[in-house]
Structure formats: C-alpha cells, structure tokens
Amino acid sequence: MHLLWSLPLAVAALYAAMLALLWFGQEKLIFLPQKLAADHRFEFGADVHEVWIERPAPLPSESPARLHALHLRLPAPEGIVFYLHGNAGNLQGWFVNADFWRGVNHDIFMLDYRGYGKSGGEVRSQEQLLADVRAAWDQVAPRYAGKRLVIVGRSLGSALAASLAADVAPDLTVLISPYESMAALAAEHYRWVPAALLRYPLRTDLAVARLKGRLLLLHGEQDEVIGLHHSERLLGQAKAVKEARLVRVPGAGHNDLQMFDTYLEALRATLAVAR
C-alpha cells in the first residue's frame, strides 16, 4: 500500500519540479543567444555601421544595458527596414541579407537583443524586451521622416514586430515564419506545459488584429518548427489592415526561406507598392 501511494507522489513531485524549472528558466528555453567579443569586426561592407542603444536601469537593483545594432545606410534610400531576428545566434549570422536590401534601395537596422552578440545584459521579461525594441525604433525612425517605414520580424521576432507595428503604424509590416502566440506554439510542442506558466505570452495574434497598414506574411510550406497554419490564422486576424497577403513558399522550411525566389520576389514586389 505504501508503494501505491509513493509512486503517484513521486510523479507529482517530479512534475511540480519540472514546472518550477520551466517558470524560472524560460529564458534558457526561449532565448538562445551567442555572444561576440567586444572587438569583433563585422565585414558586411563600409556602408554598414555599428550602433548602440543605451538602456537605463528600470530599478536601482538592476544594471543599465547597452544594446548593439547594425545599420546599413545607403546614399539615398527609399526607406528603412527595422528588422527583429529570431531566437538564436547574433547579428553575425543574421545580417547576411544586406545585398538584397541594397538592391531594393532600403536601409536596414537590425538589433541584437540583450545578451546576444555585443549587446549587454539579459532578457528578463517580455515587458523589458518590448521596451528595448521600442527604444531602438525611437532612436532610428525619426531619421526617416517622409520615407517608407517597414517593420520586419522573423520567427521569435514576429511577435515583437507585430506589437511594435501596432503601436507605431508603419507603412508595411512583414512577418516571416510567425506564430500566433507562445501558448499556441507550446501547445503543439510541449502539451504538458500549462499556458498559465508562460511568462512570455508573445501574442502575435492580438497585435495583428490592431495593425492598420499593409501586412505581408511569409511562411515555408515545410516549416517544421512553426507550422504554416499559424500564418493562415494570423491572416484571418488582420481585419483592420489596408491590405494583407500570405505568401506560401513551396519547399521552404523554417530556416531556409531566404534561399527561395518566391520569398525574395514577394518581398521585392511588396516593397514596390508599400506606400
């Protein structure tokens, strides 16, 4: 009889421990940064500049952070692309599409989140992350008054981009391999995780419902991480936008969209009529 009681208790204790680990260690599961040395040199061209965003400490017990970004600056750009990348790596791996943006004559500004690349600090909350994104936007966007404003988010960055776009109303929002919400994504990959434990809800769906400008969704039909149905459902949420379009990229998975002409042509064509 003792064994009959002890086994369920042990299982319950193990489950409780796993939930506690999830609650306190979500950052380790969601964010997979790679650091860069302070003297790391980027070789993306002389027109790509390193930029810093100074973030004050919100509380006396916390430390300020210095966020790092790369900024492609062309002689006479048609607009700015504010790009929020995925959950892994850093700018060295993400800022590899500069030639495409040169070709469509758009500057691009790409931010490394806290703890990524040369950026200091650590991501500690969704509120902090969104505030960092907004601070970076507020630093760069005023330089492009009267020009095309484009916000792009890929994978993890899609929720951040949608939230920012809902607040600042750019000409065009581009969501690449987006997800409805962290809860919806977790329910597909980790069914044992209660949604109430997620400290990063990242509700792309709610933000998309508030968008006003043009919206382009790009998704690989073979995406093994975030299924195409996420973009299909987000398209249905975009009821207030001027125009919404979903481009399905045949053969593309989660990490190789940029290798497909369908993806590149959709971006190029949408930029041509984004205003």
Foldseek 3Di string as FASTA:
>chain_A
DVVVVVVVVVVVVVLVVVLVCCLVPVLVVAAAADEADPPDDADPDPQKDKDWFWACDPDPVDHTKIWIKIKRDDPDAQEEEEEEEGRYYACNVVVPCVVLCVVLRYMYIYIDFDPHYHIHDGDDAQVVRLVVSVSVCVVPVVVGVPGAYEYEYEEVGLLSSLQVCLVPPGLEYEYELYAQWPLVLCCVVPVSHDPVSDRGGSHSLVSLLSHAHEYEYEYECAAPRRHPVRVVVSQVSNPRYPYYDYQYFYPDYRPCLVVGPSSSVVVSVCVVPSD
